Amino acid sequence: MEKEYTCEVYAKWKEKKMGVISFEDSKKKKISYSVPPEYMGHCHEITPEDLFLASLQTCLSSFFFNMASRARLKFISFDSCARGILKKVGDDIIFSDIILNVYISVKNEKEAHKAKRAMEIAERGCYISHSIKAKVIINTNIKLIKKEEN
């Protein structure tokens, strides 16, 4: 990457406490969002909290996919779950901790070693996690899948 990269995202009010996010690249899908129901927002809509966790999760996984490709890692599956803990600190509500549980399935020890290494590099390279105040904990679980389990 160059020394500096600019990313633009647009938010437009739609109704009540809802909006739509769009992107510089107009071919990208728009995303509807709302404040959480706890703040009199709409149920079943994506919230800023969801997007925040998704940003971290997608950065880490994308970095892992890149490292896996470079290492010629043949993983069977990759799943992850991000859980953010929101706390009231003074007048503010902040994410104090974020736990990312990552589950990677591979077919043998050699691939498990590659997966572990790729994940270590992804953790160090995930610039979203390095850009936030919250403590980010990443738990990596690598499972060997024997051929007959496929």
C-alpha atoms as a PDB file:
ATOM      1  CA  MET A   1       0.000   0.000   0.000  1.00  0.00           C
ATOM      2  CA  GLU A   2       1.070   3.538  -0.624  1.00  0.00           C
ATOM      3  CA  LYS A   3       1.888   5.733   2.369  1.00  0.00           C
ATOM      4  CA  GLU A   4      -1.657   7.042   2.405  1.00  0.00           C
ATOM      5  CA  TYR A   5      -4.951   5.639   1.195  1.00  0.00           C
ATOM      6  CA  THR A   6      -8.321   7.377   1.319  1.00  0.00           C
ATOM      7  CA  CYS A   7     -11.563   5.530   1.872  1.00  0.00           C
ATOM      8  CA  GLU A   8     -14.934   7.282   1.624  1.00  0.00           C
ATOM      9  CA  VAL A   9     -18.272   6.036   2.911  1.00  0.00           C
ATOM     10  CA  TYR A  10     -21.466   8.090   2.740  1.00  0.00           C
ATOM     11  CA  ALA A  11     -24.411   8.050   5.143  1.00  0.00           C
ATOM     12  CA  LYS A  12     -27.796   9.459   4.205  1.00  0.00           C
ATOM     13  CA  TRP A  13     -30.793   9.815   6.486  1.00  0.00           C
ATOM     14  CA  LYS A  14     -33.772   7.757   5.340  1.00  0.00           C
ATOM     15  CA  GLU A  15     -36.456   8.019   8.032  1.00  0.00           C
ATOM     16  CA  LYS A  16     -36.815   8.243  11.812  1.00  0.00           C
ATOM     17  CA  LYS A  17     -33.560   6.773  13.163  1.00  0.00           C
ATOM     18  CA  MET A  18     -32.525   4.965   9.965  1.00  0.00           C
ATOM     19  CA  GLY A  19     -30.108   5.668   7.191  1.00  0.00           C
ATOM     20  CA  VAL A  20     -28.352   4.174   4.193  1.00  0.00           C
ATOM     21  CA  ILE A  21     -24.629   3.796   3.703  1.00  0.00           C
ATOM     22  CA  SER A  22     -23.245   4.061   0.194  1.00  0.00           C
ATOM     23  CA  PHE A  23     -19.754   3.997  -1.178  1.00  0.00           C
ATOM     24  CA  GLU A  24     -17.475   5.860  -3.530  1.00  0.00           C
ATOM     25  CA  ASP A  25     -17.788   2.884  -5.900  1.00  0.00           C
ATOM     26  CA  SER A  26     -21.475   3.132  -6.783  1.00  0.00           C
ATOM     27  CA  LYS A  27     -21.555  -0.534  -7.852  1.00  0.00           C
ATOM     28  CA  LYS A  28     -21.077  -1.632  -4.230  1.00  0.00           C
ATOM     29  CA  LYS A  29     -24.299  -2.567  -2.463  1.00  0.00           C
ATOM     30  CA  LYS A  30     -25.850   0.007  -0.165  1.00  0.00           C
ATOM     31  CA  ILE A  31     -26.402  -0.919   3.484  1.00  0.00           C
ATOM     32  CA  SER A  32     -29.397   0.162   5.554  1.00  0.00           C
ATOM     33  CA  TYR A  33     -28.702   0.841   9.220  1.00  0.00           C
ATOM     34  CA  SER A  34     -30.417   2.039  12.360  1.00  0.00           C
ATOM     35  CA  VAL A  35     -29.553   2.905  15.912  1.00  0.00           C
ATOM     36  CA  PRO A  36     -30.005  -0.141  18.187  1.00  0.00           C
ATOM     37  CA  PRO A  37     -33.464  -0.897  19.583  1.00  0.00           C
ATOM     38  CA  GLU A  38     -32.060  -0.049  23.045  1.00  0.00           C
ATOM     39  CA  TYR A  39     -31.937   3.559  21.833  1.00  0.00           C
ATOM     40  CA  MET A  40     -35.398   3.491  20.295  1.00  0.00           C
ATOM     41  CA  GLY A  41     -34.054   2.326  16.950  1.00  0.00           C
ATOM     42  CA  HIS A  42     -35.503  -0.251  14.611  1.00  0.00           C
ATOM     43  CA  CYS A  43     -35.370  -3.998  15.232  1.00  0.00           C
ATOM     44  CA  HIS A  44     -33.649  -6.290  12.756  1.00  0.00           C
ATOM     45  CA  GLU A  45     -31.559  -3.531  11.175  1.00  0.00           C
ATOM     46  CA  ILE A  46     -27.784  -3.364  11.039  1.00  0.00           C
ATOM     47  CA  THR A  47     -26.417  -1.050  13.729  1.00  0.00           C
ATOM     48  CA  PRO A  48     -23.208   0.986  13.962  1.00  0.00           C
ATOM     49  CA  GLU A  49     -22.037  -1.556  16.556  1.00  0.00           C
ATOM     50  CA  ASP A  50     -22.572  -4.385  14.054  1.00  0.00           C
ATOM     51  CA  LEU A  51     -20.614  -2.494  11.414  1.00  0.00           C
ATOM     52  CA  PHE A  52     -17.789  -1.729  13.826  1.00  0.00           C
ATOM     53  CA  LEU A  53     -17.345  -5.406  14.729  1.00  0.00           C
ATOM     54  CA  ALA A  54     -17.794  -6.441  11.094  1.00  0.00           C
ATOM     55  CA  SER A  55     -15.039  -4.012  10.073  1.00  0.00           C
ATOM     56  CA  LEU A  56     -12.597  -5.631  12.476  1.00  0.00           C
ATOM     57  CA  GLN A  57     -13.691  -9.143  11.596  1.00  0.00           C
ATOM     58  CA  THR A  58     -13.521  -8.650   7.833  1.00  0.00           C
ATOM     59  CA  CYS A  59     -10.116  -6.963   8.049  1.00  0.00           C
ATOM     60  CA  LEU A  60      -8.650  -9.865  10.022  1.00  0.00           C
ATOM     61  CA  SER A  61     -10.229 -12.544   7.820  1.00  0.00           C
ATOM     62  CA  SER A  62      -9.246 -10.786   4.582  1.00  0.00           C
ATOM     63  CA  PHE A  63      -5.678 -10.500   5.807  1.00  0.00           C
ATOM     64  CA  PHE A  64      -5.737 -14.215   6.724  1.00  0.00           C
ATOM     65  CA  PHE A  65      -7.094 -15.140   3.270  1.00  0.00           C
ATOM     66  CA  ASN A  66      -4.274 -13.169   1.657  1.00  0.00           C
ATOM     67  CA  MET A  67      -1.633 -14.845   3.832  1.00  0.00           C
ATOM     68  CA  ALA A  68      -3.211 -18.275   3.247  1.00  0.00           C
ATOM     69  CA  SER A  69      -3.022 -17.715  -0.506  1.00  0.00           C
ATOM     70  CA  ARG A  70       0.626 -16.689  -0.318  1.00  0.00           C
ATOM     71  CA  ALA A  71       1.458 -19.764   1.798  1.00  0.00           C
ATOM     72  CA  ARG A  72      -0.555 -22.015  -0.541  1.00  0.00           C
ATOM     73  CA  LEU A  73      -2.566 -23.062   2.505  1.00  0.00           C
ATOM     74  CA  LYS A  74      -5.394 -25.418   1.655  1.00  0.00           C
ATOM     75  CA  PHE A  75      -7.880 -24.864   4.466  1.00  0.00           C
ATOM     76  CA  ILE A  76     -11.245 -26.607   4.508  1.00  0.00           C
ATOM     77  CA  SER A  77     -13.197 -23.950   6.361  1.00  0.00           C
ATOM     78  CA  PHE A  78     -12.830 -20.578   8.067  1.00  0.00           C
ATOM     79  CA  ASP A  79     -15.451 -19.213  10.450  1.00  0.00           C
ATOM     80  CA  SER A  80     -15.245 -16.437  12.983  1.00  0.00           C
ATOM     81  CA  CYS A  81     -17.369 -14.700  15.570  1.00  0.00           C
ATOM     82  CA  ALA A  82     -16.724 -11.211  16.940  1.00  0.00           C
ATOM     83  CA  ARG A  83     -18.183 -10.292  20.330  1.00  0.00           C
ATOM     84  CA  GLY A  84     -17.872  -6.733  21.566  1.00  0.00           C
ATOM     85  CA  ILE A  85     -18.309  -5.680  25.162  1.00  0.00           C
ATOM     86  CA  LEU A  86     -19.785  -2.219  25.560  1.00  0.00           C
ATOM     87  CA  LYS A  87     -19.259  -0.392  28.865  1.00  0.00           C
ATOM     88  CA  LYS A  88     -20.302   2.952  30.235  1.00  0.00           C
ATOM     89  CA  VAL A  89     -17.216   5.002  31.089  1.00  0.00           C
ATOM     90  CA  GLY A  90     -18.196   8.364  32.518  1.00  0.00           C
ATOM     91  CA  ASP A  91     -20.706   9.848  30.105  1.00  0.00           C
ATOM     92  CA  ASP A  92     -19.501   7.692  27.217  1.00  0.00           C
ATOM     93  CA  ILE A  93     -20.287   4.166  26.088  1.00  0.00           C
ATOM     94  CA  ILE A  94     -17.257   2.431  24.606  1.00  0.00           C
ATOM     95  CA  PHE A  95     -16.172  -0.946  23.349  1.00  0.00           C
ATOM     96  CA  SER A  96     -13.832  -2.025  26.139  1.00  0.00           C
ATOM     97  CA  ASP A  97     -13.027  -5.490  24.821  1.00  0.00           C
ATOM     98  CA  ILE A  98     -13.566  -7.339  21.581  1.00  0.00           C
ATOM     99  CA  ILE A  99     -13.163 -11.081  21.394  1.00  0.00           C
ATOM    100  CA  LEU A 100     -12.689 -12.697  18.003  1.00  0.00           C
ATOM    101  CA  ASN A 101     -13.039 -16.462  17.947  1.00  0.00           C
ATOM    102  CA  VAL A 102     -11.611 -17.903  14.746  1.00  0.00           C
ATOM    103  CA  TYR A 103     -12.176 -21.505  13.647  1.00  0.00           C
ATOM    104  CA  ILE A 104     -10.041 -22.920  10.845  1.00  0.00           C
ATOM    105  CA  SER A 105     -10.277 -26.501   9.604  1.00  0.00           C
ATOM    106  CA  VAL A 106      -7.392 -28.121   7.744  1.00  0.00           C
ATOM    107  CA  LYS A 107      -6.576 -31.632   6.555  1.00  0.00           C
ATOM    108  CA  ASN A 108      -3.155 -32.266   8.119  1.00  0.00           C
ATOM    109  CA  GLU A 109      -0.435 -31.013  10.488  1.00  0.00           C
ATOM    110  CA  LYS A 110       1.475 -29.271   7.711  1.00  0.00           C
ATOM    111  CA  GLU A 111      -1.609 -27.225   6.795  1.00  0.00           C
ATOM    112  CA  ALA A 112      -2.298 -26.591  10.511  1.00  0.00           C
ATOM    113  CA  HIS A 113       1.181 -25.097  10.861  1.00  0.00           C
ATOM    114  CA  LYS A 114       0.601 -22.898   7.794  1.00  0.00           C
ATOM    115  CA  ALA A 115      -2.793 -21.813   9.165  1.00  0.00           C
ATOM    116  CA  LYS A 116      -1.291 -20.897  12.529  1.00  0.00           C
ATOM    117  CA  ARG A 117       1.460 -18.886  10.855  1.00  0.00           C
ATOM    118  CA  ALA A 118      -0.967 -17.143   8.469  1.00  0.00           C
ATOM    119  CA  MET A 119      -3.185 -16.206  11.412  1.00  0.00           C
ATOM    120  CA  GLU A 120      -0.234 -14.832  13.391  1.00  0.00           C
ATOM    121  CA  ILE A 121       0.704 -12.603  10.444  1.00  0.00           C
ATOM    122  CA  ALA A 122      -2.949 -11.568   9.980  1.00  0.00           C
ATOM    123  CA  GLU A 123      -3.154 -10.555  13.651  1.00  0.00           C
ATOM    124  CA  ARG A 124      -0.065  -8.365  13.311  1.00  0.00           C
ATOM    125  CA  GLY A 125      -1.233  -6.910   9.998  1.00  0.00           C
ATOM    126  CA  CYS A 126      -4.878  -6.174  10.827  1.00  0.00           C
ATOM    127  CA  TYR A 127      -4.767  -2.389  10.745  1.00  0.00           C
ATOM    128  CA  ILE A 128      -8.357  -2.035  11.965  1.00  0.00           C
ATOM    129  CA  SER A 129      -7.481  -3.726  15.276  1.00  0.00           C
ATOM    130  CA  HIS A 130      -4.466  -1.421  15.619  1.00  0.00           C
ATOM    131  CA  SER A 131      -6.653   1.638  14.984  1.00  0.00           C
ATOM    132  CA  ILE A 132      -9.051   1.228  17.901  1.00  0.00           C
ATOM    133  CA  LYS A 133      -8.805   1.719  21.669  1.00  0.00           C
ATOM    134  CA  ALA A 134     -10.592  -1.470  22.679  1.00  0.00           C
ATOM    135  CA  LYS A 135      -8.554  -4.458  23.777  1.00  0.00           C
ATOM    136  CA  VAL A 136      -8.760  -7.025  20.971  1.00  0.00           C
ATOM    137  CA  ILE A 137      -8.414 -10.684  21.928  1.00  0.00           C
ATOM    138  CA  ILE A 138      -8.086 -13.205  19.113  1.00  0.00           C
ATOM    139  CA  ASN A 139      -8.618 -16.877  19.914  1.00  0.00           C
ATOM    140  CA  THR A 140      -7.555 -19.113  17.044  1.00  0.00           C
ATOM    141  CA  ASN A 141      -8.837 -22.686  16.960  1.00  0.00           C
ATOM    142  CA  ILE A 142      -7.378 -24.979  14.314  1.00  0.00           C
ATOM    143  CA  LYS A 143      -9.028 -28.347  13.762  1.00  0.00           C
ATOM    144  CA  LEU A 144      -7.675 -31.264  11.775  1.00  0.00           C
ATOM    145  CA  ILE A 145     -10.352 -32.839   9.589  1.00  0.00           C
ATOM    146  CA  LYS A 146      -9.651 -36.355   8.410  1.00  0.00           C
ATOM    147  CA  LYS A 147     -10.647 -37.164   4.847  1.00  0.00           C
ATOM    148  CA  GLU A 148     -13.661 -39.308   5.845  1.00  0.00           C
ATOM    149  CA  GLU A 149     -15.142 -36.373   7.868  1.00  0.00           C
ATOM    150  CA  ASN A 150     -15.554 -34.221   4.704  1.00  0.00           C
END
